[in-house]
Protein backbone atom coordinates (compact mmCIF):
# COMPACT_ATOMS: atom_id res chain seq x y z
CA MET A 1 94.15 85.15 129.06
CA ASN A 2 93.00 84.86 125.43
CA GLU A 3 92.81 87.92 123.17
CA PHE A 4 89.00 87.91 123.14
CA PHE A 5 88.74 88.10 126.94
CA LYS A 6 91.49 90.71 127.11
CA HIS A 7 89.67 93.00 124.66
CA ILE A 8 86.31 92.42 126.37
CA LYS A 9 87.77 93.46 129.72
CA GLU A 10 89.34 96.57 128.20
CA GLY A 11 86.24 97.57 126.24
CA LEU A 12 83.71 97.06 129.03
CA SER A 13 85.93 98.97 131.46
CA LYS A 14 85.86 102.09 129.28
CA SER A 15 83.43 104.97 129.62
CA PRO A 16 81.48 104.79 127.39
CA LYS A 17 81.73 101.04 126.95
CA LYS A 18 82.99 99.93 123.53
CA LEU A 19 83.59 96.55 121.85
CA SER A 20 85.02 95.73 118.42
CA SER A 21 82.60 94.54 115.75
CA ARG A 22 85.10 91.84 114.73
CA TYR A 23 83.90 89.79 117.71
CA PHE A 24 80.46 89.43 116.12
CA TYR A 25 81.88 86.69 113.92
CA ASP A 26 81.82 83.34 115.65
CA THR A 27 80.02 80.37 114.03
CA LYS A 28 76.56 81.65 114.98
CA GLY A 29 77.49 85.23 114.08
CA ASP A 30 78.72 84.11 110.66
CA ALA A 31 75.37 82.36 110.03
CA LEU A 32 73.35 85.38 111.16
CA PHE A 33 75.38 87.72 108.97
CA GLN A 34 74.65 85.49 105.97
CA GLN A 35 70.94 85.93 106.78
CA ILE A 36 71.41 89.71 106.95
CA MET A 37 73.00 89.64 103.50
CA GLN A 38 69.73 88.21 102.11
CA LEU A 39 67.42 90.76 103.74
CA GLU A 40 65.42 93.12 101.54
CA GLU A 41 66.45 96.15 103.64
CA TYR A 42 70.15 95.29 103.46
CA TYR A 43 70.79 96.72 100.01
CA LEU A 44 74.60 96.61 100.09
CA PRO A 45 75.21 93.07 98.69
CA ARG A 46 72.80 93.66 95.80
CA CYS A 47 74.50 96.94 94.87
CA GLU A 48 77.88 95.26 95.04
CA LEU A 49 76.82 92.29 92.92
CA LYS A 50 75.39 94.60 90.26
CA ILE A 51 78.74 96.37 89.95
CA ILE A 52 80.56 93.03 89.80
CA GLU A 53 78.22 91.80 87.06
CA SER A 54 78.36 95.00 85.02
CA SER A 55 81.96 96.18 85.54
CA SER A 56 84.24 93.17 86.21
CA LYS A 57 85.40 92.90 82.59
CA GLN A 58 86.21 96.61 82.45
CA LEU A 59 88.00 96.38 85.79
CA ALA A 60 90.03 93.39 84.57
CA SER A 61 90.87 95.25 81.36
CA ASP A 62 91.99 98.30 83.34
CA VAL A 63 94.25 96.25 85.62
CA SER A 64 95.64 94.14 82.76
CA LYS A 65 97.06 97.24 81.08
CA THR A 66 100.02 97.01 83.47
CA HIS A 67 99.87 93.35 84.61
CA LYS A 68 99.50 90.06 82.71
CA LYS A 69 100.12 87.91 85.79
CA LEU A 70 98.03 88.87 88.78
CA GLN A 71 97.73 87.99 92.44
CA VAL A 72 94.36 89.00 93.90
CA VAL A 73 94.45 89.40 97.69
CA GLU A 74 91.11 89.87 99.43
CA LEU A 75 90.97 91.37 102.93
CA GLY A 76 87.99 90.11 104.90
CA ALA A 77 87.22 87.73 102.07
CA GLY A 78 84.00 86.29 103.46
CA ASP A 79 82.30 83.31 101.84
CA GLY A 80 83.35 84.06 98.25
CA THR A 81 79.86 84.08 96.79
CA LYS A 82 80.38 87.49 95.13
CA THR A 83 84.12 87.31 94.54
CA LYS A 84 83.81 84.15 92.45
CA HIS A 85 81.84 86.13 89.84
CA LEU A 86 84.53 88.80 89.69
CA LEU A 87 87.39 86.29 89.41
CA LYS A 88 85.59 84.32 86.72
CA GLN A 89 85.45 87.46 84.57
CA PHE A 90 89.13 88.12 85.28
CA MET A 91 90.38 84.74 84.02
CA PRO A 92 90.62 85.55 80.25
CA PHE A 93 92.62 88.74 80.87
CA PHE A 94 95.60 87.22 82.68
CA VAL A 95 98.19 84.54 81.90
CA THR A 96 98.11 83.43 85.53
CA LEU A 97 95.65 84.39 88.25
CA ASP A 98 96.29 83.69 91.94
CA TYR A 99 93.73 84.32 94.66
CA VAL A 100 94.63 84.74 98.34
CA ALA A 101 91.68 84.93 100.75
CA LEU A 102 92.31 86.54 104.14
CA ASP A 103 89.61 86.39 106.81
CA ILE A 104 89.43 86.15 110.59
CA SER A 105 87.00 83.22 110.35
CA ALA A 106 88.33 79.79 109.39
CA ASN A 107 84.71 78.62 109.03
CA VAL A 108 83.99 81.23 106.39
CA LEU A 109 87.23 80.45 104.54
CA ASP A 110 86.17 76.81 104.20
CA THR A 111 83.06 78.01 102.39
CA ASN A 112 85.11 80.52 100.39
CA LYS A 113 87.38 77.76 99.05
CA LYS A 114 84.41 75.65 97.96
CA GLU A 115 82.72 78.61 96.25
CA ILE A 116 85.81 79.75 94.33
CA GLU A 117 87.01 76.30 93.28
CA SER A 118 83.49 75.27 92.20
CA GLU A 119 83.66 77.94 89.49
CA MET A 120 87.34 77.91 88.52
CA ASN A 121 89.63 74.88 88.32
CA ASP A 122 92.64 76.80 86.99
CA ILE A 123 92.94 79.46 89.68
CA GLN A 124 95.80 79.17 92.17
CA TYR A 125 93.91 79.32 95.47
CA SER A 126 95.22 79.91 98.98
CA SER A 127 93.72 81.24 102.21
CA ILE A 128 94.98 82.40 105.60
CA ALA A 129 92.79 82.63 108.69
CA GLY A 130 93.52 85.42 111.15
CA ASN A 131 93.45 89.16 111.66
CA TYR A 132 94.32 90.61 108.24
CA PHE A 133 96.36 93.35 109.88
CA GLU A 134 98.79 90.54 110.66
CA THR A 135 98.29 88.16 107.75
CA TYR A 136 98.47 90.86 105.05
CA LYS A 137 101.72 92.39 106.21
CA ASN A 138 103.27 88.92 106.37
CA LEU A 139 102.39 87.95 102.78
CA PHE A 140 105.28 86.70 100.73
CA PRO A 141 106.41 89.10 97.98
CA THR A 142 105.22 88.21 94.49
CA SER A 143 106.70 88.86 91.06
CA ASN A 144 103.13 89.13 89.74
CA GLY A 145 101.11 92.29 89.87
CA ARG A 146 98.96 92.57 92.97
CA LEU A 147 95.34 93.68 93.29
CA VAL A 148 94.08 94.03 96.85
CA LEU A 149 90.30 93.82 97.31
CA PHE A 150 88.43 95.37 100.22
CA LEU A 151 84.77 94.87 99.39
CA GLY A 152 81.48 94.78 101.28
CA ALA A 153 81.75 98.51 102.12
CA ASN A 154 83.81 97.39 105.13
CA ILE A 155 85.92 100.53 104.81
CA GLY A 156 83.01 102.30 106.51
CA ASN A 157 83.79 100.44 109.76
CA TYR A 158 86.79 102.69 110.39
CA PRO A 159 86.77 106.31 111.61
CA THR A 160 88.35 108.60 108.99
CA PRO A 161 91.82 108.87 110.65
CA GLU A 162 91.97 105.06 110.87
CA THR A 163 90.81 104.78 107.25
CA ILE A 164 93.78 106.88 106.14
CA GLU A 165 96.15 104.75 108.21
CA PHE A 166 94.55 101.62 106.75
CA PHE A 167 95.17 102.87 103.20
CA LYS A 168 98.81 103.54 104.11
CA PHE A 169 99.03 100.04 105.61
CA VAL A 170 97.74 98.45 102.39
CA LYS A 171 100.02 100.66 100.27
CA ASN A 172 103.09 99.31 102.11
CA ASN A 173 102.62 95.97 100.33
CA LEU A 174 101.98 97.46 96.88
CA LYS A 175 104.44 98.22 94.11
CA GLU A 176 104.09 101.21 91.79
CA ASN A 177 101.53 99.74 89.37
CA ASP A 178 99.71 97.53 91.87
CA CYS A 179 96.10 98.33 92.71
CA PHE A 180 93.73 98.61 95.66
CA LEU A 181 90.01 98.19 94.95
CA VAL A 182 87.68 99.48 97.67
CA ALA A 183 83.88 99.32 97.87
CA PHE A 184 82.25 102.47 99.26
CA ASP A 185 78.62 102.79 100.32
CA LEU A 186 77.71 106.33 99.29
CA VAL A 187 75.32 108.73 101.03
CA LYS A 188 71.66 108.35 100.11
CA HIS A 189 68.25 108.83 101.74
CA PRO A 190 68.76 108.48 105.53
CA ARG A 191 65.70 106.24 105.98
CA LYS A 192 67.04 103.72 103.47
CA ILE A 193 70.37 103.61 105.30
CA LEU A 194 68.82 103.25 108.76
CA ALA A 195 66.51 100.44 107.63
CA ALA A 196 69.54 98.42 106.53
CA TYR A 197 70.71 98.31 110.16
CA ASP A 198 67.27 97.93 111.78
CA ASP A 199 65.51 95.29 109.68
CA SER A 200 61.86 94.39 110.22
CA GLU A 201 62.66 90.72 110.91
CA GLY A 202 65.03 91.53 113.76
CA VAL A 203 67.97 89.57 112.33
CA THR A 204 70.38 92.49 112.83
CA LYS A 205 69.26 92.67 116.46
CA GLN A 206 70.03 88.95 116.87
CA PHE A 207 73.42 89.48 115.22
CA ASN A 208 74.33 92.23 117.68
CA LEU A 209 73.01 90.43 120.76
CA ASN A 210 74.88 87.29 119.74
CA LEU A 211 77.99 89.12 120.95
CA LEU A 212 76.54 88.85 124.47
CA GLU A 213 75.69 85.19 123.88
CA ARG A 214 79.25 84.58 122.70
CA MET A 215 80.58 86.04 125.95
CA ASN A 216 78.24 83.70 127.84
CA ARG A 217 79.46 80.70 125.84
CA GLU A 218 83.18 81.42 125.78
CA LEU A 219 83.86 83.57 128.84
CA GLU A 220 81.32 82.11 131.28
CA ALA A 221 79.48 85.43 131.50
CA ASN A 222 75.89 85.57 132.74
CA PHE A 223 74.30 88.12 130.41
CA ASP A 224 70.48 87.99 130.50
CA ILE A 225 69.93 88.62 126.78
CA SER A 226 66.32 89.73 127.34
CA SER A 227 67.64 92.64 129.43
CA PHE A 228 69.46 94.18 126.46
CA ASP A 229 68.35 95.68 123.15
CA HIS A 230 69.98 96.74 119.88
CA PHE A 231 69.83 100.41 118.86
CA PRO A 232 71.17 101.73 115.51
CA PHE A 233 71.50 105.42 114.65
CA TYR A 234 72.33 107.29 111.41
CA ASN A 235 73.60 110.87 111.28
CA PRO A 236 73.12 112.37 107.78
CA LEU A 237 75.41 115.28 108.65
CA THR A 238 78.44 113.02 109.02
CA GLY A 239 77.31 109.95 107.06
CA ILE A 240 77.96 107.77 110.11
CA THR A 241 75.76 104.86 111.14
CA SER A 242 76.49 103.51 114.61
CA SER A 243 75.24 100.45 116.49
CA GLN A 244 74.79 100.15 120.23
CA ILE A 245 73.68 97.45 122.64
CA ILE A 246 71.51 99.01 125.37
CA SER A 247 71.12 97.71 128.92
CA LEU A 248 67.40 97.89 129.73
CA LYS A 249 67.95 97.99 133.49
CA LYS A 250 70.54 98.49 136.18
CA GLN A 251 72.46 95.24 136.41
CA THR A 252 75.83 93.59 137.01
CA VAL A 253 77.22 90.92 134.68
CA ARG A 254 79.79 88.46 135.96
CA PHE A 255 82.48 86.63 133.99
CA LYS A 256 84.96 83.88 134.82
CA ASP A 257 88.04 84.84 136.86
CA ASP A 258 85.88 87.08 139.09
CA PHE A 259 85.62 89.84 136.45
CA SER A 260 82.34 91.79 136.61
CA VAL A 261 80.78 94.74 134.79
CA HIS A 262 78.11 97.10 136.11
CA PHE A 263 75.50 98.62 133.78
CA ASN A 264 73.26 101.56 134.57
CA ALA A 265 69.74 101.50 133.17
CA PHE A 266 69.88 102.39 129.43
CA GLU A 267 73.66 102.49 129.36
CA ALA A 268 75.08 101.63 125.93
CA ILE A 269 77.88 99.47 124.57
CA HIS A 270 79.09 100.94 121.29
CA THR A 271 79.78 98.05 118.87
CA GLU A 272 80.07 99.30 115.30
CA VAL A 273 80.48 102.25 112.97
CA SER A 274 79.44 102.12 109.32
CA LYS A 275 80.22 105.33 107.47
CA LYS A 276 78.50 106.34 104.25
CA PHE A 277 80.72 108.45 102.00
CA PHE A 278 80.41 111.74 100.21
CA TRP A 279 82.67 111.81 97.12
CA SER A 280 84.74 114.53 98.79
CA ASP A 281 85.48 112.08 101.63
CA ILE A 282 86.96 109.59 99.16
CA GLU A 283 89.09 112.24 97.45
CA GLU A 284 90.42 113.40 100.81
CA ILE A 285 91.34 109.84 101.83
CA ALA A 286 93.30 109.45 98.59
CA ILE A 287 95.16 112.72 99.14
CA GLN A 288 95.99 112.03 102.79
CA SER A 289 97.18 108.46 102.14
CA LYS A 290 99.13 109.40 98.99
CA MET A 291 97.07 107.18 96.72
CA LYS A 292 95.60 108.17 93.36
CA ILE A 293 92.16 107.33 92.01
CA ILE A 294 92.52 105.42 88.73
CA GLN A 295 88.92 104.50 87.94
CA THR A 296 85.47 104.36 89.53
CA TYR A 297 82.70 101.81 88.87
CA PHE A 298 79.18 102.74 90.06
CA ASP A 299 75.91 100.87 90.46
CA ASN A 300 72.96 102.08 88.39
CA ASN A 301 71.83 104.70 90.93
CA LYS A 302 75.33 105.86 91.84
CA GLU A 303 74.63 104.95 95.47
CA TYR A 304 77.53 102.51 95.73
CA ALA A 305 80.96 102.52 94.14
CA PHE A 306 84.09 100.45 93.54
CA VAL A 307 87.08 102.80 93.48
CA LEU A 308 90.42 101.64 92.05
CA PHE A 309 93.48 103.21 93.64
CA GLN A 310 97.21 103.00 92.95
CA PRO A 311 100.13 104.19 95.08
CA ASN A 312 101.07 107.78 94.32
CA LEU A 313 104.82 107.28 94.55
């Protein structure tokens, strides 16, 4: 049994049902997510790009105070369209600059390589497809300084206890003066946040329901996609946005190998968490993971931030 089917069986057998958002990203899911990134309501990429454009030189200067040779490792690297701008600004500050792209999608890494190398001929490029919890811990040691990137506000996909464990996991592959740069989507007006996950064109709905289509394609399931809907929710008390797929009727879905799942009418499958952070949340994560905050780079409205951490050894 492949890992995908194993996790689907486990997740759909739980009460409540729960599936990992990482399974959104097959070829069609990758394409739909690229559409989401262009949506007016999905403000996150624009905020991130503004910080990259305005703060990359300062970030490079800050990191170069302790390192002249740098390896940049990006977790969940994506297609490289934003990272190439950051790395281009980094080039003059370092004697050598290596870039290692880690992503679960080999398709996306093909695009990443083209994007990065189209802008920079001198960069030492490498990529590894797979779950970055495996690929990162198996990276070869480097004599260069290391800067780990975790952008896209993807840190919000983890519950707080898992976020702290994730920081500790990253820290295990960092030396004293190495750095960890994390993008945080900060709290803001709840309606602006909710709209980012419930766009008027319905692309986010397609992206979520593609998970059902993927199970049909790869696991011989018989989901009737029209019998399910996408429902996002934002709680301003906790800063947590969650996504659910809702069964619109009582039904049973069958898979290969005689596996079946029963749904009650309006029963939900929880698929994703996206936390928005108060500054106190970020400080607490640093304390609990024994990291220290070195510098912070905000967008113009201070609604999004890059935070630079170092191990607190």
